[in-house]
Amino acid sequence: MGTDGAYYEAEAAMTKKYPYSWFVPTEKELAEVDIEQLQDLLALTLDERLRRHEGARQLVLKLKEAGRKHYGFDPATVTQTANRAG
């Protein structure tokens, strides 16, 4: 990635995709691959992968519901508008 601007393009894409994210990976973090984690994931059976996926899906649904209860609406559906002060 170096000085050709690819890192900044990737950072801009991440920021656009996740505008409320407090974490944008550094160039080094984008380049690193955790081989041990990949091996662990590849060792899982299909049933284990499906169980993990379903657990993660249920967590996301519960978090979304908690957000709706807390805010009174789904914050993910709100579009940002320009501040029209003045």
PDB file of N, CA and C in Angstrom:
ATOM      1  N   MET A   1       0.816  -1.202   0.000  1.00  0.00           N
ATOM      2  CA  MET A   1       0.000   0.000   0.000  1.00  0.00           C
ATOM      3  C   MET A   1       0.851   1.254   0.000  1.00  0.00           C
ATOM      4  N   GLY A   2       1.811   1.500   0.592  1.00  0.00           N
ATOM      5  CA  GLY A   2       2.742   2.597   0.441  1.00  0.00           C
ATOM      6  C   GLY A   2       2.169   3.986   0.232  1.00  0.00           C
ATOM      7  N   THR A   3       2.881   4.763  -0.594  1.00  0.00           N
ATOM      8  CA  THR A   3       2.539   6.176  -0.772  1.00  0.00           C
ATOM      9  C   THR A   3       1.649   6.441  -1.971  1.00  0.00           C
ATOM     10  N   ASP A   4       1.136   5.403  -2.623  1.00  0.00           N
ATOM     11  CA  ASP A   4       0.333   5.624  -3.824  1.00  0.00           C
ATOM     12  C   ASP A   4      -1.100   6.032  -3.517  1.00  0.00           C
ATOM     13  N   GLY A   5      -1.435   6.172  -2.269  1.00  0.00           N
ATOM     14  CA  GLY A   5      -2.774   6.626  -1.908  1.00  0.00           C
ATOM     15  C   GLY A   5      -3.781   5.510  -1.713  1.00  0.00           C
ATOM     16  N   ALA A   6      -3.386   4.260  -1.953  1.00  0.00           N
ATOM     17  CA  ALA A   6      -4.314   3.141  -1.801  1.00  0.00           C
ATOM     18  C   ALA A   6      -4.797   3.024  -0.355  1.00  0.00           C
ATOM     19  N   TYR A   7      -3.897   3.284   0.590  1.00  0.00           N
ATOM     20  CA  TYR A   7      -4.293   3.213   1.998  1.00  0.00           C
ATOM     21  C   TYR A   7      -5.392   4.227   2.287  1.00  0.00           C
ATOM     22  N   TYR A   8      -5.218   5.439   1.794  1.00  0.00           N
ATOM     23  CA  TYR A   8      -6.199   6.485   2.063  1.00  0.00           C
ATOM     24  C   TYR A   8      -7.526   6.204   1.364  1.00  0.00           C
ATOM     25  N   GLU A   9      -7.451   5.584   0.200  1.00  0.00           N
ATOM     26  CA  GLU A   9      -8.675   5.174  -0.486  1.00  0.00           C
ATOM     27  C   GLU A   9      -9.394   4.096   0.318  1.00  0.00           C
ATOM     28  N   ALA A  10      -8.636   3.133   0.851  1.00  0.00           N
ATOM     29  CA  ALA A  10      -9.225   2.076   1.668  1.00  0.00           C
ATOM     30  C   ALA A  10      -9.825   2.670   2.942  1.00  0.00           C
ATOM     31  N   GLU A  11      -9.118   3.618   3.554  1.00  0.00           N
ATOM     32  CA  GLU A  11      -9.619   4.265   4.764  1.00  0.00           C
ATOM     33  C   GLU A  11     -10.904   5.037   4.475  1.00  0.00           C
ATOM     34  N   ALA A  12     -10.935   5.730   3.356  1.00  0.00           N
ATOM     35  CA  ALA A  12     -12.136   6.479   2.977  1.00  0.00           C
ATOM     36  C   ALA A  12     -13.303   5.527   2.719  1.00  0.00           C
ATOM     37  N   ALA A  13     -13.018   4.397   2.088  1.00  0.00           N
ATOM     38  CA  ALA A  13     -14.072   3.416   1.830  1.00  0.00           C
ATOM     39  C   ALA A  13     -14.603   2.841   3.135  1.00  0.00           C
ATOM     40  N   MET A  14     -13.703   2.554   4.077  1.00  0.00           N
ATOM     41  CA  MET A  14     -14.130   2.022   5.374  1.00  0.00           C
ATOM     42  C   MET A  14     -14.965   3.059   6.113  1.00  0.00           C
ATOM     43  N   THR A  15     -14.551   4.315   6.073  1.00  0.00           N
ATOM     44  CA  THR A  15     -15.281   5.374   6.759  1.00  0.00           C
ATOM     45  C   THR A  15     -16.656   5.562   6.129  1.00  0.00           C
ATOM     46  N   LYS A  16     -16.732   5.447   4.807  1.00  0.00           N
ATOM     47  CA  LYS A  16     -18.010   5.590   4.125  1.00  0.00           C
ATOM     48  C   LYS A  16     -18.923   4.412   4.447  1.00  0.00           C
ATOM     49  N   LYS A  17     -18.347   3.214   4.489  1.00  0.00           N
ATOM     50  CA  LYS A  17     -19.134   2.014   4.771  1.00  0.00           C
ATOM     51  C   LYS A  17     -19.582   1.984   6.231  1.00  0.00           C
ATOM     52  N   TYR A  18     -18.722   2.422   7.130  1.00  0.00           N
ATOM     53  CA  TYR A  18     -19.022   2.414   8.555  1.00  0.00           C
ATOM     54  C   TYR A  18     -18.866   3.832   9.108  1.00  0.00           C
ATOM     55  N   PRO A  19     -19.799   4.735   8.800  1.00  0.00           N
ATOM     56  CA  PRO A  19     -19.616   6.138   9.180  1.00  0.00           C
ATOM     57  C   PRO A  19     -19.609   6.376  10.684  1.00  0.00           C
ATOM     58  N   TYR A  20     -20.199   5.486  11.459  1.00  0.00           N
ATOM     59  CA  TYR A  20     -20.258   5.683  12.907  1.00  0.00           C
ATOM     60  C   TYR A  20     -19.197   4.870  13.624  1.00  0.00           C
ATOM     61  N   SER A  21     -18.313   4.231  12.876  1.00  0.00           N
ATOM     62  CA  SER A  21     -17.301   3.374  13.473  1.00  0.00           C
ATOM     63  C   SER A  21     -16.185   4.212  14.083  1.00  0.00           C
ATOM     64  N   TRP A  22     -15.780   3.852  15.283  1.00  0.00           N
ATOM     65  CA  TRP A  22     -14.670   4.540  15.926  1.00  0.00           C
ATOM     66  C   TRP A  22     -13.360   3.880  15.547  1.00  0.00           C
ATOM     67  N   PHE A  23     -13.426   2.712  14.899  1.00  0.00           N
ATOM     68  CA  PHE A  23     -12.210   1.982  14.547  1.00  0.00           C
ATOM     69  C   PHE A  23     -12.044   1.930  13.042  1.00  0.00           C
ATOM     70  N   VAL A  24     -10.990   2.530  12.569  1.00  0.00           N
ATOM     71  CA  VAL A  24     -10.593   2.394  11.170  1.00  0.00           C
ATOM     72  C   VAL A  24      -9.206   1.780  11.206  1.00  0.00           C
ATOM     73  N   PRO A  25      -9.034   0.606  10.610  1.00  0.00           N
ATOM     74  CA  PRO A  25      -7.746  -0.083  10.704  1.00  0.00           C
ATOM     75  C   PRO A  25      -6.607   0.713  10.082  1.00  0.00           C
ATOM     76  N   THR A  26      -5.420   0.547  10.664  1.00  0.00           N
ATOM     77  CA  THR A  26      -4.227   1.193  10.117  1.00  0.00           C
ATOM     78  C   THR A  26      -3.748   0.410   8.897  1.00  0.00           C
ATOM     79  N   GLU A  27      -2.802   0.977   8.177  1.00  0.00           N
ATOM     80  CA  GLU A  27      -2.250   0.304   6.997  1.00  0.00           C
ATOM     81  C   GLU A  27      -1.657  -1.050   7.391  1.00  0.00           C
ATOM     82  N   LYS A  28      -0.956  -1.090   8.520  1.00  0.00           N
ATOM     83  CA  LYS A  28      -0.346  -2.336   8.980  1.00  0.00           C
ATOM     84  C   LYS A  28      -1.421  -3.366   9.308  1.00  0.00           C
ATOM     85  N   GLU A  29      -2.482  -2.940   9.977  1.00  0.00           N
ATOM     86  CA  GLU A  29      -3.558  -3.858  10.338  1.00  0.00           C
ATOM     87  C   GLU A  29      -4.293  -4.378   9.107  1.00  0.00           C
ATOM     88  N   LEU A  30      -4.419  -3.547   8.082  1.00  0.00           N
ATOM     89  CA  LEU A  30      -5.051  -4.000   6.848  1.00  0.00           C
ATOM     90  C   LEU A  30      -4.202  -5.056   6.145  1.00  0.00           C
ATOM     91  N   ALA A  31      -2.884  -4.982   6.301  1.00  0.00           N
ATOM     92  CA  ALA A  31      -1.976  -5.892   5.620  1.00  0.00           C
ATOM     93  C   ALA A  31      -1.792  -7.209   6.370  1.00  0.00           C
ATOM     94  N   GLU A  32      -2.081  -7.238   7.672  1.00  0.00           N
ATOM     95  CA  GLU A  32      -1.843  -8.435   8.470  1.00  0.00           C
ATOM     96  C   GLU A  32      -2.932  -9.474   8.261  1.00  0.00           C
ATOM     97  N   VAL A  33      -2.522 -10.739   8.223  1.00  0.00           N
ATOM     98  CA  VAL A  33      -3.455 -11.850   8.135  1.00  0.00           C
ATOM     99  C   VAL A  33      -3.130 -12.786   9.284  1.00  0.00           C
ATOM    100  N   ASP A  34      -4.126 -13.135  10.066  1.00  0.00           N
ATOM    101  CA  ASP A  34      -3.930 -14.031  11.193  1.00  0.00           C
ATOM    102  C   ASP A  34      -4.097 -15.472  10.707  1.00  0.00           C
ATOM    103  N   ILE A  35      -2.977 -16.098  10.372  1.00  0.00           N
ATOM    104  CA  ILE A  35      -2.996 -17.450   9.815  1.00  0.00           C
ATOM    105  C   ILE A  35      -3.609 -18.433  10.812  1.00  0.00           C
ATOM    106  N   GLU A  36      -3.287 -18.271  12.088  1.00  0.00           N
ATOM    107  CA  GLU A  36      -3.820 -19.180  13.110  1.00  0.00           C
ATOM    108  C   GLU A  36      -5.356 -19.102  13.157  1.00  0.00           C
ATOM    109  N   GLN A  37      -5.885 -17.906  13.074  1.00  0.00           N
ATOM    110  CA  GLN A  37      -7.336 -17.746  13.082  1.00  0.00           C
ATOM    111  C   GLN A  37      -7.952 -18.380  11.836  1.00  0.00           C
ATOM    112  N   LEU A  38      -7.328 -18.197  10.690  1.00  0.00           N
ATOM    113  CA  LEU A  38      -7.825 -18.812   9.463  1.00  0.00           C
ATOM    114  C   LEU A  38      -7.833 -20.332   9.569  1.00  0.00           C
ATOM    115  N   GLN A  39      -6.765 -20.899  10.137  1.00  0.00           N
ATOM    116  CA  GLN A  39      -6.697 -22.347  10.298  1.00  0.00           C
ATOM    117  C   GLN A  39      -7.796 -22.845  11.237  1.00  0.00           C
ATOM    118  N   ASP A  40      -8.031 -22.111  12.325  1.00  0.00           N
ATOM    119  CA  ASP A  40      -9.090 -22.493  13.259  1.00  0.00           C
ATOM    120  C   ASP A  40     -10.460 -22.456  12.584  1.00  0.00           C
ATOM    121  N   LEU A  41     -10.701 -21.416  11.804  1.00  0.00           N
ATOM    122  CA  LEU A  41     -11.987 -21.303  11.119  1.00  0.00           C
ATOM    123  C   LEU A  41     -12.169 -22.389  10.065  1.00  0.00           C
ATOM    124  N   LEU A  42     -11.110 -22.714   9.351  1.00  0.00           N
ATOM    125  CA  LEU A  42     -11.191 -23.755   8.330  1.00  0.00           C
ATOM    126  C   LEU A  42     -11.364 -25.147   8.936  1.00  0.00           C
ATOM    127  N   ALA A  43     -10.948 -25.314  10.201  1.00  0.00           N
ATOM    128  CA  ALA A  43     -11.086 -26.608  10.870  1.00  0.00           C
ATOM    129  C   ALA A  43     -12.517 -26.867  11.355  1.00  0.00           C
ATOM    130  N   LEU A  44     -13.361 -25.842  11.370  1.00  0.00           N
ATOM    131  CA  LEU A  44     -14.735 -26.010  11.844  1.00  0.00           C
ATOM    132  C   LEU A  44     -15.559 -26.819  10.851  1.00  0.00           C
ATOM    133  N   THR A  45     -16.479 -27.603  11.394  1.00  0.00           N
ATOM    134  CA  THR A  45     -17.406 -28.317  10.521  1.00  0.00           C
ATOM    135  C   THR A  45     -18.491 -27.348  10.066  1.00  0.00           C
ATOM    136  N   LEU A  46     -19.269 -27.777   9.086  1.00  0.00           N
ATOM    137  CA  LEU A  46     -20.355 -26.940   8.593  1.00  0.00           C
ATOM    138  C   LEU A  46     -21.343 -26.632   9.717  1.00  0.00           C
ATOM    139  N   ASP A  47     -21.670 -27.636  10.541  1.00  0.00           N
ATOM    140  CA  ASP A  47     -22.598 -27.407  11.656  1.00  0.00           C
ATOM    141  C   ASP A  47     -22.052 -26.383  12.646  1.00  0.00           C
ATOM    142  N   GLU A  48     -20.748 -26.464  12.940  1.00  0.00           N
ATOM    143  CA  GLU A  48     -20.140 -25.483  13.851  1.00  0.00           C
ATOM    144  C   GLU A  48     -20.185 -24.079  13.260  1.00  0.00           C
ATOM    145  N   ARG A  49     -19.929 -23.964  11.973  1.00  0.00           N
ATOM    146  CA  ARG A  49     -19.984 -22.651  11.315  1.00  0.00           C
ATOM    147  C   ARG A  49     -21.397 -22.086  11.345  1.00  0.00           C
ATOM    148  N   LEU A  50     -22.370 -22.952  11.061  1.00  0.00           N
ATOM    149  CA  LEU A  50     -23.766 -22.504  11.086  1.00  0.00           C
ATOM    150  C   LEU A  50     -24.197 -22.078  12.489  1.00  0.00           C
ATOM    151  N   ARG A  51     -23.774 -22.822  13.511  1.00  0.00           N
ATOM    152  CA  ARG A  51     -24.102 -22.445  14.902  1.00  0.00           C
ATOM    153  C   ARG A  51     -23.491 -21.090  15.244  1.00  0.00           C
ATOM    154  N   ARG A  52     -22.251 -20.881  14.868  1.00  0.00           N
ATOM    155  CA  ARG A  52     -21.606 -19.583  15.132  1.00  0.00           C
ATOM    156  C   ARG A  52     -22.323 -18.456  14.400  1.00  0.00           C
ATOM    157  N   HIS A  53     -22.657 -18.717  13.146  1.00  0.00           N
ATOM    158  CA  HIS A  53     -23.344 -17.702  12.356  1.00  0.00           C
ATOM    159  C   HIS A  53     -24.701 -17.366  12.969  1.00  0.00           C
ATOM    160  N   GLU A  54     -25.451 -18.387  13.356  1.00  0.00           N
ATOM    161  CA  GLU A  54     -26.766 -18.149  13.948  1.00  0.00           C
ATOM    162  C   GLU A  54     -26.638 -17.397  15.278  1.00  0.00           C
ATOM    163  N   GLY A  55     -25.632 -17.738  16.067  1.00  0.00           N
ATOM    164  CA  GLY A  55     -25.405 -17.023  17.320  1.00  0.00           C
ATOM    165  C   GLY A  55     -25.093 -15.554  17.079  1.00  0.00           C
ATOM    166  N   ALA A  56     -24.259 -15.281  16.096  1.00  0.00           N
ATOM    167  CA  ALA A  56     -23.916 -13.889  15.765  1.00  0.00           C
ATOM    168  C   ALA A  56     -25.143 -13.152  15.235  1.00  0.00           C
ATOM    169  N   ARG A  57     -25.940 -13.833  14.414  1.00  0.00           N
ATOM    170  CA  ARG A  57     -27.151 -13.222  13.870  1.00  0.00           C
ATOM    171  C   ARG A  57     -28.134 -12.870  14.980  1.00  0.00           C
ATOM    172  N   GLN A  58     -28.305 -13.775  15.933  1.00  0.00           N
ATOM    173  CA  GLN A  58     -29.205 -13.520  17.059  1.00  0.00           C
ATOM    174  C   GLN A  58     -28.702 -12.346  17.898  1.00  0.00           C
ATOM    175  N   LEU A  59     -27.383 -12.255  18.094  1.00  0.00           N
ATOM    176  CA  LEU A  59     -26.811 -11.133  18.843  1.00  0.00           C
ATOM    177  C   LEU A  59     -27.108  -9.811  18.139  1.00  0.00           C
ATOM    178  N   VAL A  60     -26.925  -9.771  16.824  1.00  0.00           N
ATOM    179  CA  VAL A  60     -27.185  -8.549  16.071  1.00  0.00           C
ATOM    180  C   VAL A  60     -28.653  -8.154  16.197  1.00  0.00           C
ATOM    181  N   LEU A  61     -29.545  -9.123  16.087  1.00  0.00           N
ATOM    182  CA  LEU A  61     -30.980  -8.825  16.210  1.00  0.00           C
ATOM    183  C   LEU A  61     -31.317  -8.276  17.592  1.00  0.00           C
ATOM    184  N   LYS A  62     -30.720  -8.857  18.634  1.00  0.00           N
ATOM    185  CA  LYS A  62     -30.962  -8.372  20.001  1.00  0.00           C
ATOM    186  C   LYS A  62     -30.405  -6.956  20.189  1.00  0.00           C
ATOM    187  N   LEU A  63     -29.232  -6.694  19.617  1.00  0.00           N
ATOM    188  CA  LEU A  63     -28.655  -5.357  19.732  1.00  0.00           C
ATOM    189  C   LEU A  63     -29.500  -4.327  18.984  1.00  0.00           C
ATOM    190  N   LYS A  64     -30.000  -4.698  17.818  1.00  0.00           N
ATOM    191  CA  LYS A  64     -30.877  -3.787  17.072  1.00  0.00           C
ATOM    192  C   LYS A  64     -32.145  -3.494  17.865  1.00  0.00           C
ATOM    193  N   GLU A  65     -32.724  -4.525  18.459  1.00  0.00           N
ATOM    194  CA  GLU A  65     -33.940  -4.332  19.253  1.00  0.00           C
ATOM    195  C   GLU A  65     -33.656  -3.442  20.468  1.00  0.00           C
ATOM    196  N   ALA A  66     -32.509  -3.649  21.107  1.00  0.00           N
ATOM    197  CA  ALA A  66     -32.137  -2.801  22.239  1.00  0.00           C
ATOM    198  C   ALA A  66     -31.988  -1.347  21.793  1.00  0.00           C
ATOM    199  N   GLY A  67     -31.406  -1.129  20.613  1.00  0.00           N
ATOM    200  CA  GLY A  67     -31.275   0.230  20.083  1.00  0.00           C
ATOM    201  C   GLY A  67     -32.628   0.858  19.815  1.00  0.00           C
ATOM    202  N   ARG A  68     -33.554   0.065  19.257  1.00  0.00           N
ATOM    203  CA  ARG A  68     -34.900   0.590  19.000  1.00  0.00           C
ATOM    204  C   ARG A  68     -35.601   0.956  20.312  1.00  0.00           C
ATOM    205  N   LYS A  69     -35.440   0.110  21.332  1.00  0.00           N
ATOM    206  CA  LYS A  69     -36.064   0.413  22.628  1.00  0.00           C
ATOM    207  C   LYS A  69     -35.433   1.649  23.261  1.00  0.00           C
ATOM    208  N   HIS A  70     -34.118   1.771  23.148  1.00  0.00           N
ATOM    209  CA  HIS A  70     -33.415   2.893  23.777  1.00  0.00           C
ATOM    210  C   HIS A  70     -33.730   4.219  23.084  1.00  0.00           C
ATOM    211  N   TYR A  71     -33.668   4.232  21.756  1.00  0.00           N
ATOM    212  CA  TYR A  71     -33.855   5.473  21.007  1.00  0.00           C
ATOM    213  C   TYR A  71     -35.300   5.727  20.607  1.00  0.00           C
ATOM    214  N   GLY A  72     -36.127   4.694  20.635  1.00  0.00           N
ATOM    215  CA  GLY A  72     -37.506   4.846  20.213  1.00  0.00           C
ATOM    216  C   GLY A  72     -37.681   4.707  18.712  1.00  0.00           C
ATOM    217  N   PHE A  73     -36.596   4.445  17.999  1.00  0.00           N
ATOM    218  CA  PHE A  73     -36.621   4.213  16.560  1.00  0.00           C
ATOM    219  C   PHE A  73     -35.345   3.467  16.197  1.00  0.00           C
ATOM    220  N   ASP A  74     -35.251   3.008  14.979  1.00  0.00           N
ATOM    221  CA  ASP A  74     -34.057   2.287  14.536  1.00  0.00           C
ATOM    222  C   ASP A  74     -33.051   3.295  13.987  1.00  0.00           C
ATOM    223  N   PRO A  75     -31.949   3.556  14.724  1.00  0.00           N
ATOM    224  CA  PRO A  75     -30.969   4.546  14.282  1.00  0.00           C
ATOM    225  C   PRO A  75     -30.352   4.220  12.920  1.00  0.00           C
ATOM    226  N   ALA A  76     -30.331   2.955  12.542  1.00  0.00           N
ATOM    227  CA  ALA A  76     -29.734   2.568  11.261  1.00  0.00           C
ATOM    228  C   ALA A  76     -30.553   3.058  10.079  1.00  0.00           C
ATOM    229  N   THR A  77     -31.828   3.375  10.309  1.00  0.00           N
ATOM    230  CA  THR A  77     -32.678   3.805   9.203  1.00  0.00           C
ATOM    231  C   THR A  77     -32.694   5.320   9.025  1.00  0.00           C
ATOM    232  N   VAL A  78     -32.051   6.035   9.925  1.00  0.00           N
ATOM    233  CA  VAL A  78     -32.037   7.502   9.853  1.00  0.00           C
ATOM    234  C   VAL A  78     -30.929   7.941   8.915  1.00  0.00           C
ATOM    235  N   THR A  79     -31.252   8.824   7.976  1.00  0.00           N
ATOM    236  CA  THR A  79     -30.224   9.368   7.094  1.00  0.00           C
ATOM    237  C   THR A  79     -29.729  10.681   7.680  1.00  0.00           C
ATOM    238  N   GLN A  80     -28.464  10.946   7.470  1.00  0.00           N
ATOM    239  CA  GLN A  80     -27.884  12.185   7.978  1.00  0.00           C
ATOM    240  C   GLN A  80     -28.319  13.337   7.073  1.00  0.00           C
ATOM    241  N   THR A  81     -28.621  14.463   7.693  1.00  0.00           N
ATOM    242  CA  THR A  81     -28.943  15.661   6.930  1.00  0.00           C
ATOM    243  C   THR A  81     -27.993  16.756   7.339  1.00  0.00           C
ATOM    244  N   ALA A  82     -27.804  17.703   6.463  1.00  0.00           N
ATOM    245  CA  ALA A  82     -26.905  18.831   6.747  1.00  0.00           C
ATOM    246  C   ALA A  82     -27.498  19.690   7.849  1.00  0.00           C
ATOM    247  N   ASN A  83     -26.645  20.243   8.667  1.00  0.00           N
ATOM    248  CA  ASN A  83     -27.073  21.147   9.723  1.00  0.00           C
ATOM    249  C   ASN A  83     -27.457  22.476   9.074  1.00  0.00           C
ATOM    250  N   ARG A  84     -28.696  22.854   9.202  1.00  0.00           N
ATOM    251  CA  ARG A  84     -29.189  24.083   8.562  1.00  0.00           C
ATOM    252  C   ARG A  84     -29.317  25.209   9.581  1.00  0.00           C
ATOM    253  N   ALA A  85     -28.263  25.446  10.302  1.00  0.00           N
ATOM    254  CA  ALA A  85     -28.305  26.522  11.300  1.00  0.00           C
ATOM    255  C   ALA A  85     -28.315  27.867  10.599  1.00  0.00           C
ATOM    256  N   GLY A  86     -29.032  28.781  11.230  1.00  0.00           N
ATOM    257  CA  GLY A  86     -28.958  30.136  10.698  1.00  0.00           C
ATOM    258  C   GLY A  86     -30.201  30.593  10.200  1.00  0.00           C
TER     259      GLY A  86
END
